[in-house]
Amino acid sequence: MVELMVADIIGTVAFALSGFYVAVKEKLDLLGVFIASFLTALGGGLVRDMLADRPPYTFTNLMPTFLVLGVIVFSIMFKLHQKDEIEKTFYFIVSDTLGLVSFSITGALIGLQAGFNFFGVILLALITAVGGGVVRDILLNRVPLLLTSEFYGTVALLVGAILFVFAQFDISGYMPLMFVFTFGVALRLLAYYKQWNLPKIG
């Protein structure tokens, strides 16, 4: 589906840029910057494909890697790392949200194709969307954003849950997917700007 493919590309770029900023803040060298960007953008998909017992898309298609390399080169050339808090700009938040939701949908659909149960489908949606960032943060000894950010991973879980329910009632096709996509994007943006958070203990 063209719309989801475009959203995937936007998400890959946004996640790679996020990894780039984290790497620069941690003062990593050029290889470290590439690894952080690559993991953030594509790490979740790698884990997803291994769990679903399918050839990793990143290893059979060059486009994702070229996108990550392009983001790094572009960011260095235009010195984006010297701009303050670009990760909080409207355009970055929107592109990051598009990536989060489209990756969640991709993960859930692959889980359904693999015959996973409810838990497997929502877990694959979550891993695809945020797994790369979690791996990156663990490598850099940081608390994963997933565990502290407002309604981030929750959106991926809800997207996976809705798609699983749709599958049980044989609801499929363009319109249901666009509904889920629109719902996920709207919820994430609303949660971000309203600063919604899950309850914390203590």
Protein backbone atom coordinates (compact mmCIF):
# COMPACT_ATOMS: atom_id res chain seq x y z
CA MET A 1 0.00 0.00 0.00
CA VAL A 2 1.54 3.27 -1.19
CA GLU A 3 0.42 5.33 1.82
CA LEU A 4 1.98 2.95 4.33
CA MET A 5 5.16 2.68 2.24
CA VAL A 6 5.51 6.46 2.25
CA ALA A 7 4.85 6.55 6.01
CA ASP A 8 7.48 3.83 6.50
CA ILE A 9 10.03 5.91 4.59
CA ILE A 10 9.19 9.02 6.61
CA GLY A 11 9.39 7.02 9.81
CA THR A 12 12.74 5.50 8.88
CA VAL A 13 14.14 8.97 8.21
CA ALA A 14 12.72 10.36 11.46
CA PHE A 15 14.01 7.46 13.56
CA ALA A 16 17.44 7.61 11.90
CA LEU A 17 17.58 11.34 12.68
CA SER A 18 16.62 10.61 16.29
CA GLY A 19 19.43 8.07 16.53
CA PHE A 20 21.82 10.59 14.99
CA TYR A 21 21.00 13.21 17.64
CA VAL A 22 21.38 10.75 20.49
CA ALA A 23 24.75 9.62 19.13
CA VAL A 24 26.01 13.17 18.76
CA LYS A 25 24.88 14.06 22.30
CA GLU A 26 26.76 11.00 23.58
CA LYS A 27 29.85 12.15 21.62
CA LEU A 28 30.17 8.91 19.62
CA ASP A 29 32.52 8.61 16.67
CA LEU A 30 31.31 8.24 13.08
CA LEU A 31 30.86 4.47 13.35
CA GLY A 32 28.94 4.95 16.60
CA VAL A 33 26.71 7.51 14.89
CA PHE A 34 25.92 5.05 12.09
CA ILE A 35 25.20 2.19 14.49
CA ALA A 36 22.94 4.37 16.66
CA SER A 37 21.04 5.68 13.62
CA PHE A 38 20.79 2.24 12.02
CA LEU A 39 19.55 0.56 15.19
CA THR A 40 17.00 3.27 15.94
CA ALA A 41 15.53 3.16 12.44
CA LEU A 42 15.81 -0.52 11.56
CA GLY A 43 16.60 -2.51 14.70
CA GLY A 44 12.96 -3.15 15.55
CA GLY A 45 12.28 -4.56 12.10
CA LEU A 46 15.28 -6.89 12.37
CA VAL A 47 14.05 -8.32 15.68
CA ARG A 48 10.51 -8.59 14.29
CA ASP A 49 11.61 -10.56 11.25
CA MET A 50 13.70 -12.95 13.34
CA LEU A 51 10.74 -13.62 15.65
CA ALA A 52 8.45 -14.17 12.66
CA ASP A 53 11.02 -16.50 11.04
CA ARG A 54 11.34 -14.48 7.85
CA PRO A 55 14.37 -13.02 6.01
CA PRO A 56 15.11 -9.57 7.50
CA TYR A 57 13.80 -6.93 5.11
CA THR A 58 16.81 -4.74 5.84
CA PHE A 59 19.15 -7.50 4.61
CA THR A 60 17.23 -8.17 1.40
CA ASN A 61 16.47 -4.58 0.38
CA LEU A 62 19.03 -1.78 0.17
CA MET A 63 16.61 1.14 0.47
CA PRO A 64 16.43 1.22 4.31
CA THR A 65 20.21 1.31 4.68
CA PHE A 66 20.54 3.99 1.99
CA LEU A 67 17.92 6.06 3.82
CA VAL A 68 19.90 5.86 7.07
CA LEU A 69 23.15 6.77 5.30
CA GLY A 70 21.40 9.62 3.52
CA VAL A 71 20.09 11.01 6.81
CA ILE A 72 23.58 10.90 8.37
CA VAL A 73 25.27 12.57 5.39
CA PHE A 74 22.54 15.22 5.13
CA SER A 75 22.64 15.93 8.87
CA ILE A 76 26.43 16.34 8.89
CA MET A 77 26.48 18.48 5.73
CA PHE A 78 23.83 20.87 7.02
CA LYS A 79 25.08 20.68 10.64
CA LEU A 80 21.66 19.74 11.98
CA HIS A 81 23.26 18.50 15.17
CA GLN A 82 24.11 22.09 16.03
CA LYS A 83 20.47 23.15 16.01
CA ASP A 84 18.84 23.19 19.44
CA GLU A 85 16.07 20.71 20.24
CA ILE A 86 15.07 20.00 16.64
CA GLU A 87 13.50 16.79 18.00
CA LYS A 88 10.77 18.95 19.56
CA THR A 89 9.78 20.74 16.37
CA PHE A 90 6.34 20.15 14.87
CA TYR A 91 7.68 18.53 11.69
CA PHE A 92 9.88 16.09 13.58
CA ILE A 93 7.08 15.10 15.97
CA VAL A 94 4.71 14.48 13.06
CA SER A 95 7.22 12.43 11.07
CA ASP A 96 8.18 10.44 14.17
CA THR A 97 4.48 9.76 14.81
CA LEU A 98 3.94 8.60 11.22
CA GLY A 99 6.84 6.20 11.61
CA LEU A 100 5.64 4.91 14.97
CA VAL A 101 2.15 4.10 13.67
CA SER A 102 3.18 2.71 10.28
CA PHE A 103 5.82 0.48 11.90
CA SER A 104 3.21 -0.69 14.43
CA ILE A 105 0.84 -1.63 11.62
CA THR A 106 3.59 -3.42 9.71
CA GLY A 107 4.57 -5.42 12.78
CA ALA A 108 0.97 -6.36 13.58
CA LEU A 109 0.27 -7.46 9.99
CA ILE A 110 3.37 -9.63 9.93
CA GLY A 111 2.34 -11.15 13.25
CA LEU A 112 -1.09 -11.97 11.82
CA GLN A 113 0.48 -13.50 8.70
CA ALA A 114 2.68 -15.66 10.92
CA GLY A 115 -0.40 -16.92 12.81
CA PHE A 116 0.56 -15.33 16.14
CA ASN A 117 -1.99 -15.03 18.94
CA PHE A 118 -3.13 -11.73 20.47
CA PHE A 119 -0.04 -11.35 22.65
CA GLY A 120 2.27 -12.15 19.74
CA VAL A 121 0.61 -9.64 17.41
CA ILE A 122 0.69 -6.70 19.83
CA LEU A 123 4.24 -7.56 20.91
CA LEU A 124 5.40 -7.61 17.28
CA ALA A 125 3.69 -4.24 16.71
CA LEU A 126 5.52 -2.82 19.74
CA ILE A 127 8.90 -4.32 18.84
CA THR A 128 8.74 -3.09 15.24
CA ALA A 129 7.85 0.44 16.33
CA VAL A 130 10.15 1.00 19.31
CA GLY A 131 12.53 -1.97 19.49
CA GLY A 132 15.36 -0.21 17.71
CA GLY A 133 15.30 2.75 20.07
CA VAL A 134 15.26 0.44 23.08
CA VAL A 135 18.31 -1.49 21.85
CA ARG A 136 20.12 1.79 21.15
CA ASP A 137 19.38 3.16 24.62
CA ILE A 138 20.50 -0.05 26.30
CA LEU A 139 23.80 0.08 24.39
CA LEU A 140 24.29 3.68 25.51
CA ASN A 141 23.28 2.91 29.12
CA ARG A 142 20.22 5.18 28.97
CA VAL A 143 16.71 4.60 30.32
CA PRO A 144 14.72 3.69 27.16
CA LEU A 145 12.37 6.43 26.03
CA LEU A 146 9.66 3.77 25.77
CA LEU A 147 9.56 3.53 29.57
CA THR A 148 9.23 7.24 30.26
CA SER A 149 7.62 8.91 27.23
CA GLU A 150 3.97 9.89 27.22
CA PHE A 151 1.72 7.36 25.51
CA TYR A 152 4.39 6.21 23.04
CA GLY A 153 4.57 2.44 23.30
CA THR A 154 0.91 2.39 24.30
CA VAL A 155 -0.07 3.62 20.84
CA ALA A 156 1.79 0.70 19.22
CA LEU A 157 0.04 -1.78 21.52
CA LEU A 158 -3.39 -0.30 20.76
CA VAL A 159 -2.74 -0.40 17.01
CA GLY A 160 -1.74 -4.06 17.25
CA ALA A 161 -4.78 -4.88 19.40
CA ILE A 162 -7.21 -3.21 16.98
CA LEU A 163 -5.76 -5.01 13.98
CA PHE A 164 -5.95 -8.34 15.80
CA VAL A 165 -9.63 -7.76 16.60
CA PHE A 166 -10.29 -6.73 13.00
CA ALA A 167 -8.68 -9.97 11.81
CA GLN A 168 -10.97 -12.05 14.04
CA PHE A 169 -13.97 -10.52 12.27
CA ASP A 170 -12.36 -10.73 8.81
CA ILE A 171 -12.19 -6.95 8.55
CA SER A 172 -9.41 -6.11 6.12
CA GLY A 173 -8.59 -3.87 3.20
CA TYR A 174 -7.60 -0.29 2.52
CA MET A 175 -10.23 1.54 4.55
CA PRO A 176 -9.79 -0.37 7.85
CA LEU A 177 -6.01 0.10 7.65
CA MET A 178 -6.40 3.82 6.98
CA PHE A 179 -8.79 4.05 9.92
CA VAL A 180 -6.25 2.40 12.23
CA PHE A 181 -3.46 4.56 10.84
CA THR A 182 -5.44 7.79 11.31
CA PHE A 183 -6.52 6.75 14.81
CA GLY A 184 -2.96 5.95 15.84
CA VAL A 185 -1.53 9.21 14.48
CA ALA A 186 -4.28 11.32 16.06
CA LEU A 187 -3.92 9.58 19.44
CA ARG A 188 -0.15 9.97 19.54
CA LEU A 189 -0.24 13.66 18.57
CA LEU A 190 -3.03 14.37 21.04
CA ALA A 191 -1.17 12.55 23.81
CA TYR A 192 2.04 14.45 23.01
CA TYR A 193 0.51 17.92 23.04
CA LYS A 194 -1.81 17.18 25.98
CA GLN A 195 1.12 15.51 27.79
CA TRP A 196 -0.87 12.40 28.63
CA ASN A 197 1.01 9.77 30.61
CA LEU A 198 0.20 6.40 32.05
CA PRO A 199 -0.06 6.44 35.88
CA LYS A 200 3.23 6.10 37.75
CA ILE A 201 3.74 4.27 41.03
CA GLY A 202 4.98 6.28 43.96
